[in-house]
């Protein structure tokens, strides 16, 4: 048996040695973890058959390829399913000292069409000058949208119909949302809020 802890929440996990190198979902925080080849402290990991973390098979394929392609830039991620909506949270390195949280949501619109949304919360706007500065930069981020949510947090986002997704768009959008949100965060707040 291999014993180890979830990197995100510290939950102790225990799995069969045959699962070394496999991806699984932490039962406590839903973080995606990779089983190490040697033991460290543990509990029990939820294995997802064939790494099908999302209900949409095309999204699973894009997600797996994204992880393989940008593995070095992803510090951690979680996959959650709530109320029939799939979502994932990624911490993506934007340079050697900074990172940004990026969310992916797979949802259906009122017509039953499946969509993928990618967004990052830049930070809470407290000064009118900050909001004006951020909104003036909207053109620089096209086709990405900038908006204020109900908590006065600035959000950078992009969405596309799942049927129009391809690997290049998926990878590029995840990275650009992380980079541009981090750039706005540094400009507006001067700190890495993650």
Protein backbone atom coordinates (compact mmCIF):
# COMPACT_ATOMS: atom_id res chain seq x y z
CA UNK A 1 0.00 0.00 0.00
CA UNK A 2 1.07 3.58 -0.71
CA UNK A 3 0.35 6.17 1.97
CA UNK A 4 0.48 9.90 1.19
CA UNK A 5 -1.27 13.22 1.85
CA UNK A 6 -3.29 15.48 -0.45
CA UNK A 7 -1.09 18.48 -1.34
CA UNK A 8 -3.99 20.91 -1.06
CA UNK A 9 -5.86 19.93 2.13
CA UNK A 10 -3.43 17.53 3.83
CA UNK A 11 -5.97 14.69 3.94
CA UNK A 12 -4.17 11.39 4.53
CA UNK A 13 -4.68 8.87 1.71
CA UNK A 14 -3.89 5.16 1.25
CA UNK A 15 -4.04 3.29 -2.05
CA UNK A 16 -2.89 0.02 -3.59
CA UNK A 17 0.65 0.05 -5.03
CA UNK A 18 -0.78 -0.76 -8.47
CA UNK A 19 -2.21 2.81 -8.56
CA UNK A 20 1.24 4.52 -8.45
CA UNK A 21 1.30 7.31 -11.04
CA UNK A 22 -2.52 7.33 -11.42
CA UNK A 23 -4.65 10.45 -11.02
CA UNK A 24 -7.43 10.46 -8.45
CA UNK A 25 -9.74 12.80 -6.60
CA UNK A 26 -9.25 13.56 -2.90
CA UNK A 27 -12.45 12.61 -1.02
CA UNK A 28 -12.12 15.62 1.29
CA UNK A 29 -11.38 18.59 -1.02
CA UNK A 30 -11.85 17.09 -4.53
CA UNK A 31 -8.31 18.09 -5.56
CA UNK A 32 -6.87 16.02 -8.35
CA UNK A 33 -3.81 14.22 -6.98
CA UNK A 34 -1.24 11.93 -8.54
CA UNK A 35 -0.38 8.84 -6.51
CA UNK A 36 3.36 8.82 -5.69
CA UNK A 37 5.47 5.71 -6.14
CA UNK A 38 6.56 5.75 -2.47
CA UNK A 39 4.61 6.18 0.76
CA UNK A 40 4.05 9.25 2.89
CA UNK A 41 1.04 9.57 5.38
CA UNK A 42 -2.51 8.74 3.96
CA UNK A 43 -6.31 7.78 4.03
CA UNK A 44 -8.26 6.80 0.89
CA UNK A 45 -8.38 8.24 -2.61
CA UNK A 46 -11.45 8.36 -4.85
CA UNK A 47 -10.46 6.91 -8.22
CA UNK A 48 -12.35 8.12 -11.23
CA UNK A 49 -12.65 5.50 -13.94
CA UNK A 50 -10.51 6.39 -16.97
CA UNK A 51 -9.87 9.88 -15.51
CA UNK A 52 -13.39 10.98 -16.47
CA UNK A 53 -13.61 13.89 -14.06
CA UNK A 54 -16.17 15.81 -16.13
CA UNK A 55 -19.54 14.63 -17.43
CA UNK A 56 -18.66 15.80 -20.97
CA UNK A 57 -16.26 13.37 -22.72
CA UNK A 58 -14.78 16.03 -25.04
CA UNK A 59 -14.02 18.24 -22.02
CA UNK A 60 -12.29 15.29 -20.30
CA UNK A 61 -10.03 14.86 -23.32
CA UNK A 62 -9.16 18.58 -23.42
CA UNK A 63 -8.58 18.63 -19.66
CA UNK A 64 -6.22 15.63 -19.73
CA UNK A 65 -4.21 17.06 -22.64
CA UNK A 66 -4.03 20.45 -20.91
CA UNK A 67 -2.61 18.81 -17.77
CA UNK A 68 -0.03 16.89 -19.78
CA UNK A 69 1.00 19.88 -21.90
CA UNK A 70 1.26 22.45 -19.09
CA UNK A 71 2.07 20.20 -16.13
CA UNK A 72 5.05 22.34 -15.07
CA UNK A 73 2.91 25.50 -14.91
CA UNK A 74 0.07 24.00 -12.84
CA UNK A 75 0.77 24.18 -9.12
CA UNK A 76 -2.48 22.47 -8.16
CA UNK A 77 -6.06 21.90 -9.24
CA UNK A 78 -9.43 20.64 -8.03
CA UNK A 79 -12.39 19.17 -9.90
CA UNK A 80 -15.84 19.64 -8.35
CA UNK A 81 -19.35 18.73 -9.48
CA UNK A 82 -22.22 20.54 -7.79
CA UNK A 83 -25.83 20.61 -8.90
CA UNK A 84 -25.00 19.04 -12.26
CA UNK A 85 -22.38 21.72 -13.02
CA UNK A 86 -18.79 20.60 -13.52
CA UNK A 87 -16.09 23.00 -12.44
CA UNK A 88 -12.36 22.96 -11.86
CA UNK A 89 -9.98 25.33 -10.13
CA UNK A 90 -6.36 25.66 -11.26
CA UNK A 91 -3.43 27.50 -9.74
CA UNK A 92 -1.34 28.43 -12.77
CA UNK A 93 2.18 29.89 -12.59
CA UNK A 94 2.38 33.24 -14.35
CA UNK A 95 6.11 33.69 -13.73
CA UNK A 96 8.69 32.39 -11.25
CA UNK A 97 7.23 34.35 -8.32
CA UNK A 98 3.53 34.65 -9.09
CA UNK A 99 0.51 32.48 -9.81
CA UNK A 100 -3.19 32.98 -10.49
CA UNK A 101 -6.33 30.98 -9.69
CA UNK A 102 -8.34 30.17 -12.81
CA UNK A 103 -11.77 28.54 -12.75
CA UNK A 104 -13.33 26.41 -15.48
CA UNK A 105 -17.10 25.82 -15.48
CA UNK A 106 -19.07 23.51 -17.78
CA UNK A 107 -22.76 24.46 -17.81
CA UNK A 108 -25.91 24.35 -19.96
CA UNK A 109 -27.78 27.44 -21.11
CA UNK A 110 -31.59 27.79 -21.19
CA UNK A 111 -31.69 26.02 -24.57
CA UNK A 112 -29.76 23.01 -23.22
CA UNK A 113 -26.58 23.98 -25.11
CA UNK A 114 -23.35 23.06 -23.28
CA UNK A 115 -20.82 25.85 -22.62
CA UNK A 116 -17.38 26.16 -21.04
CA UNK A 117 -16.51 29.32 -19.13
CA UNK A 118 -13.00 30.18 -17.95
CA UNK A 119 -12.51 33.01 -15.46
CA UNK A 120 -10.23 34.48 -12.83
CA UNK A 121 -11.05 36.89 -10.02
CA UNK A 122 -8.54 39.73 -10.12
CA UNK A 123 -9.47 41.34 -6.81
CA UNK A 124 -11.93 43.56 -5.00
CA UNK A 125 -12.23 47.06 -6.41
CA UNK A 126 -12.37 49.61 -3.61
CA UNK A 127 -11.42 52.82 -5.36
CA UNK A 128 -13.31 54.36 -8.25
CA UNK A 129 -9.98 55.13 -9.98
CA UNK A 130 -9.10 51.41 -9.95
CA UNK A 131 -12.42 50.49 -11.55
CA UNK A 132 -12.03 53.17 -14.24
CA UNK A 133 -8.44 52.05 -14.94
CA UNK A 134 -9.54 48.42 -15.25
CA UNK A 135 -12.53 49.19 -17.47
CA UNK A 136 -10.37 51.35 -19.77
CA UNK A 137 -8.23 48.29 -20.41
CA UNK A 138 -11.16 46.21 -21.71
CA UNK A 139 -10.15 46.57 -25.37
CA UNK A 140 -6.70 45.21 -24.59
CA UNK A 141 -8.26 41.93 -23.46
CA UNK A 142 -10.70 41.25 -26.33
CA UNK A 143 -12.28 38.67 -26.74
CA UNK A 144 -12.02 38.27 -22.95
CA UNK A 145 -14.63 40.02 -20.83
CA UNK A 146 -14.03 42.13 -17.75
CA UNK A 147 -16.85 42.67 -15.26
CA UNK A 148 -17.53 43.39 -11.61
CA UNK A 149 -19.32 40.64 -9.69
CA UNK A 150 -21.79 41.18 -6.84
CA UNK A 151 -18.89 41.46 -4.35
CA UNK A 152 -17.23 44.28 -6.38
CA UNK A 153 -14.52 41.87 -7.48
CA UNK A 154 -13.05 42.39 -10.92
CA UNK A 155 -13.41 39.19 -13.02
CA UNK A 156 -11.68 38.38 -16.31
CA UNK A 157 -13.53 35.71 -18.33
CA UNK A 158 -14.14 34.01 -21.66
CA UNK A 159 -16.69 31.38 -22.72
CA UNK A 160 -17.40 29.16 -25.73
CA UNK A 161 -19.91 26.50 -26.71
CA UNK A 162 -18.54 23.07 -25.83
CA UNK A 163 -19.21 21.94 -29.42
CA UNK A 164 -16.76 24.66 -30.63
CA UNK A 165 -13.93 23.72 -28.27
CA UNK A 166 -10.56 22.60 -29.54
CA UNK A 167 -7.29 21.93 -27.72
CA UNK A 168 -5.54 25.08 -28.93
CA UNK A 169 -8.39 27.37 -27.79
CA UNK A 170 -8.67 25.55 -24.45
CA UNK A 171 -4.94 25.69 -23.60
CA UNK A 172 -4.50 29.26 -24.86
CA UNK A 173 -7.57 30.57 -23.01
CA UNK A 174 -6.57 28.99 -19.70
CA UNK A 175 -3.09 30.50 -19.92
CA UNK A 176 -4.18 33.93 -21.21
CA UNK A 177 -6.85 34.30 -18.52
CA UNK A 178 -4.20 33.48 -15.88
CA UNK A 179 -1.59 35.84 -17.35
CA UNK A 180 -3.92 38.77 -18.02
CA UNK A 181 -5.73 38.49 -14.67
CA UNK A 182 -2.36 38.41 -12.91
CA UNK A 183 -1.19 41.41 -14.95
CA UNK A 184 -4.31 43.37 -13.93
CA UNK A 185 -3.91 42.25 -10.33
CA UNK A 186 -0.31 43.48 -10.21
CA UNK A 187 -1.22 46.79 -11.91
CA UNK A 188 -4.22 47.50 -9.67
CA UNK A 189 -3.09 46.04 -6.34
CA UNK A 190 0.67 45.54 -6.55
CA UNK A 191 0.49 42.18 -4.80
CA UNK A 192 -0.11 38.54 -5.76
CA UNK A 193 -3.53 37.76 -4.24
CA UNK A 194 -3.54 34.38 -6.01
